[in-house]
Amino acid sequence: MIHIIRTRATGQQMEEMLETLGTYIKLAVDVQQGILAGGGVLHADCEAVLLEAGSQQQDVWGADWNPAAREVTFESLINIRPRQNNLSLEILDSAIRGRVTEIVQQWLRGDA
């Protein structure tokens, strides 16, 4: 199940997002709006949900959240963006990586 997360994720939302892959959650993060979508099989599934909700594609980046390790990783096919100077699966811009990390930890970290 894919959820759009705009505030701290509930325990139920975390469980539902983890149902797909078990140990980690695929995410699409809107660095402009400070929101994310998580829980799909593909980052592109999450990206599509954000785009349908009004996000702009250039603001949406793919990442993964491992709740046990409290770790964000930054590799996704949706991150390959020649027009935005990102020629890799990985988010290369440190400012974007920082913003993605900030949003993910804010909404998914779980220790209010």
C-alpha atoms as a PDB file:
ATOM      1  CA  MET A   1       0.000   0.000   0.000  1.00  0.00           C
ATOM      2  CA  ILE A   2       1.297   3.446  -0.919  1.00  0.00           C
ATOM      3  CA  HIS A   3       0.705   6.316   1.473  1.00  0.00           C
ATOM      4  CA  ILE A   4       1.358  10.013   0.985  1.00  0.00           C
ATOM      5  CA  ILE A   5       2.970  11.189   4.190  1.00  0.00           C
ATOM      6  CA  ARG A   6       2.592  14.866   5.114  1.00  0.00           C
ATOM      7  CA  THR A   7       2.935  14.467   8.894  1.00  0.00           C
ATOM      8  CA  ARG A   8       4.564  11.902  11.150  1.00  0.00           C
ATOM      9  CA  ALA A   9       3.636   8.430   9.880  1.00  0.00           C
ATOM     10  CA  THR A  10       1.476   6.355  12.199  1.00  0.00           C
ATOM     11  CA  GLY A  11       2.441   2.858  13.249  1.00  0.00           C
ATOM     12  CA  GLN A  12      -0.284   1.470  11.010  1.00  0.00           C
ATOM     13  CA  GLN A  13       0.982   3.443   7.997  1.00  0.00           C
ATOM     14  CA  MET A  14       4.521   2.167   8.633  1.00  0.00           C
ATOM     15  CA  GLU A  15       3.274  -1.436   8.835  1.00  0.00           C
ATOM     16  CA  GLU A  16       1.288  -1.050   5.617  1.00  0.00           C
ATOM     17  CA  MET A  17       4.231   0.523   3.754  1.00  0.00           C
ATOM     18  CA  LEU A  18       6.511  -2.288   4.962  1.00  0.00           C
ATOM     19  CA  GLU A  19       4.086  -5.016   3.785  1.00  0.00           C
ATOM     20  CA  THR A  20       5.406  -4.876   0.226  1.00  0.00           C
ATOM     21  CA  LEU A  21       9.140  -5.407   0.825  1.00  0.00           C
ATOM     22  CA  GLY A  22       9.344  -6.382   4.495  1.00  0.00           C
ATOM     23  CA  THR A  23      12.532  -4.705   5.695  1.00  0.00           C
ATOM     24  CA  TYR A  24      12.579  -1.394   3.848  1.00  0.00           C
ATOM     25  CA  ILE A  25      10.266   1.074   2.136  1.00  0.00           C
ATOM     26  CA  LYS A  26      10.608   2.452  -1.391  1.00  0.00           C
ATOM     27  CA  LEU A  27       9.970   6.184  -1.407  1.00  0.00           C
ATOM     28  CA  ALA A  28       9.455   9.150  -3.669  1.00  0.00           C
ATOM     29  CA  VAL A  29      10.215  12.407  -1.878  1.00  0.00           C
ATOM     30  CA  ASP A  30       9.006  15.853  -2.965  1.00  0.00           C
ATOM     31  CA  VAL A  31      11.831  18.121  -1.817  1.00  0.00           C
ATOM     32  CA  GLN A  32       9.821  21.267  -2.557  1.00  0.00           C
ATOM     33  CA  GLN A  33       6.648  20.400  -0.627  1.00  0.00           C
ATOM     34  CA  GLY A  34       8.413  18.393   2.094  1.00  0.00           C
ATOM     35  CA  ILE A  35       6.228  15.309   1.641  1.00  0.00           C
ATOM     36  CA  LEU A  36       6.790  11.733   0.530  1.00  0.00           C
ATOM     37  CA  ALA A  37       4.993   8.707  -0.829  1.00  0.00           C
ATOM     38  CA  GLY A  38       6.072   5.281   0.335  1.00  0.00           C
ATOM     39  CA  GLY A  39       5.217   1.632   0.127  1.00  0.00           C
ATOM     40  CA  GLY A  40       5.175   0.608  -3.510  1.00  0.00           C
ATOM     41  CA  VAL A  41       7.035  -2.098  -5.365  1.00  0.00           C
ATOM     42  CA  LEU A  42       8.818   0.520  -7.474  1.00  0.00           C
ATOM     43  CA  HIS A  43       9.957   4.061  -6.766  1.00  0.00           C
ATOM     44  CA  ALA A  44       8.017   4.981  -9.911  1.00  0.00           C
ATOM     45  CA  ASP A  45       4.791   3.775  -8.262  1.00  0.00           C
ATOM     46  CA  CYS A  46       5.368   6.215  -5.410  1.00  0.00           C
ATOM     47  CA  GLU A  47       6.392   8.963  -7.828  1.00  0.00           C
ATOM     48  CA  ALA A  48       3.140   8.490  -9.780  1.00  0.00           C
ATOM     49  CA  VAL A  49       1.091   8.939  -6.600  1.00  0.00           C
ATOM     50  CA  LEU A  50       2.865  12.224  -5.809  1.00  0.00           C
ATOM     51  CA  LEU A  51       2.484  13.483  -9.385  1.00  0.00           C
ATOM     52  CA  GLU A  52      -1.240  12.711  -9.276  1.00  0.00           C
ATOM     53  CA  ALA A  53      -1.410  14.716  -6.036  1.00  0.00           C
ATOM     54  CA  GLY A  54       0.161  17.763  -7.694  1.00  0.00           C
ATOM     55  CA  SER A  55       3.919  17.377  -7.198  1.00  0.00           C
ATOM     56  CA  GLN A  56       6.234  18.526  -9.982  1.00  0.00           C
ATOM     57  CA  GLN A  57       8.454  15.797 -11.439  1.00  0.00           C
ATOM     58  CA  GLN A  58      11.654  17.830 -11.081  1.00  0.00           C
ATOM     59  CA  ASP A  59      11.035  18.010  -7.314  1.00  0.00           C
ATOM     60  CA  VAL A  60      10.473  14.249  -6.773  1.00  0.00           C
ATOM     61  CA  TRP A  61      13.449  12.004  -5.976  1.00  0.00           C
ATOM     62  CA  GLY A  62      13.684   8.293  -5.207  1.00  0.00           C
ATOM     63  CA  ALA A  63      15.076   6.857  -1.985  1.00  0.00           C
ATOM     64  CA  ASP A  64      14.671   3.935   0.397  1.00  0.00           C
ATOM     65  CA  TRP A  65      14.088   3.918   4.163  1.00  0.00           C
ATOM     66  CA  ASN A  66      15.352   1.092   6.337  1.00  0.00           C
ATOM     67  CA  PRO A  67      13.562   1.620   9.672  1.00  0.00           C
ATOM     68  CA  ALA A  68      15.633  -0.930  11.609  1.00  0.00           C
ATOM     69  CA  ALA A  69      18.903   0.786  10.673  1.00  0.00           C
ATOM     70  CA  ARG A  70      17.294   4.251  10.496  1.00  0.00           C
ATOM     71  CA  GLU A  71      19.076   4.682   7.203  1.00  0.00           C
ATOM     72  CA  VAL A  72      18.167   6.492   3.994  1.00  0.00           C
ATOM     73  CA  THR A  73      19.679   5.313   0.721  1.00  0.00           C
ATOM     74  CA  PHE A  74      19.459   7.266  -2.511  1.00  0.00           C
ATOM     75  CA  GLU A  75      19.440   4.854  -5.474  1.00  0.00           C
ATOM     76  CA  SER A  76      16.496   4.742  -7.868  1.00  0.00           C
ATOM     77  CA  LEU A  77      15.824   4.672 -11.588  1.00  0.00           C
ATOM     78  CA  ILE A  78      13.685   7.800 -11.200  1.00  0.00           C
ATOM     79  CA  ASN A  79      16.838   9.692 -10.178  1.00  0.00           C
ATOM     80  CA  ILE A  80      18.418   9.424 -13.642  1.00  0.00           C
ATOM     81  CA  ARG A  81      17.843  12.965 -14.914  1.00  0.00           C
ATOM     82  CA  PRO A  82      20.167  14.312 -17.563  1.00  0.00           C
ATOM     83  CA  ARG A  83      18.265  17.640 -17.614  1.00  0.00           C
ATOM     84  CA  GLN A  84      18.956  18.086 -13.911  1.00  0.00           C
ATOM     85  CA  ASN A  85      22.591  16.971 -14.150  1.00  0.00           C
ATOM     86  CA  ASN A  86      21.947  13.665 -12.366  1.00  0.00           C
ATOM     87  CA  LEU A  87      23.289  10.935 -14.656  1.00  0.00           C
ATOM     88  CA  SER A  88      23.263   8.262 -11.965  1.00  0.00           C
ATOM     89  CA  LEU A  89      20.786   6.070 -10.088  1.00  0.00           C
ATOM     90  CA  GLU A  90      22.110   7.788  -6.990  1.00  0.00           C
ATOM     91  CA  ILE A  91      21.211  11.362  -6.041  1.00  0.00           C
ATOM     92  CA  LEU A  92      24.498  13.176  -6.690  1.00  0.00           C
ATOM     93  CA  ASP A  93      23.658  16.663  -5.378  1.00  0.00           C
ATOM     94  CA  SER A  94      24.491  16.820  -1.669  1.00  0.00           C
ATOM     95  CA  ALA A  95      21.859  19.510  -1.025  1.00  0.00           C
ATOM     96  CA  ILE A  96      19.113  17.336  -2.518  1.00  0.00           C
ATOM     97  CA  ARG A  97      20.384  14.300  -0.580  1.00  0.00           C
ATOM     98  CA  GLY A  98      20.300  16.383   2.598  1.00  0.00           C
ATOM     99  CA  ARG A  99      16.762  17.577   1.941  1.00  0.00           C
ATOM    100  CA  VAL A 100      15.567  14.008   1.177  1.00  0.00           C
ATOM    101  CA  THR A 101      17.167  12.776   4.413  1.00  0.00           C
ATOM    102  CA  GLU A 102      15.577  15.593   6.411  1.00  0.00           C
ATOM    103  CA  ILE A 103      12.082  14.872   5.074  1.00  0.00           C
ATOM    104  CA  VAL A 104      12.354  11.089   5.473  1.00  0.00           C
ATOM    105  CA  GLN A 105      13.659  11.313   9.026  1.00  0.00           C
ATOM    106  CA  GLN A 106      11.081  13.932   9.973  1.00  0.00           C
ATOM    107  CA  TRP A 107       8.088  11.850   8.830  1.00  0.00           C
ATOM    108  CA  LEU A 108       9.272   8.231   9.185  1.00  0.00           C
ATOM    109  CA  ARG A 109      11.784   8.158  12.030  1.00  0.00           C
ATOM    110  CA  GLY A 110       9.179   7.191  14.597  1.00  0.00           C
ATOM    111  CA  ASP A 111      10.555   8.726  17.770  1.00  0.00           C
ATOM    112  CA  ALA A 112       8.335  11.707  18.421  1.00  0.00           C
END
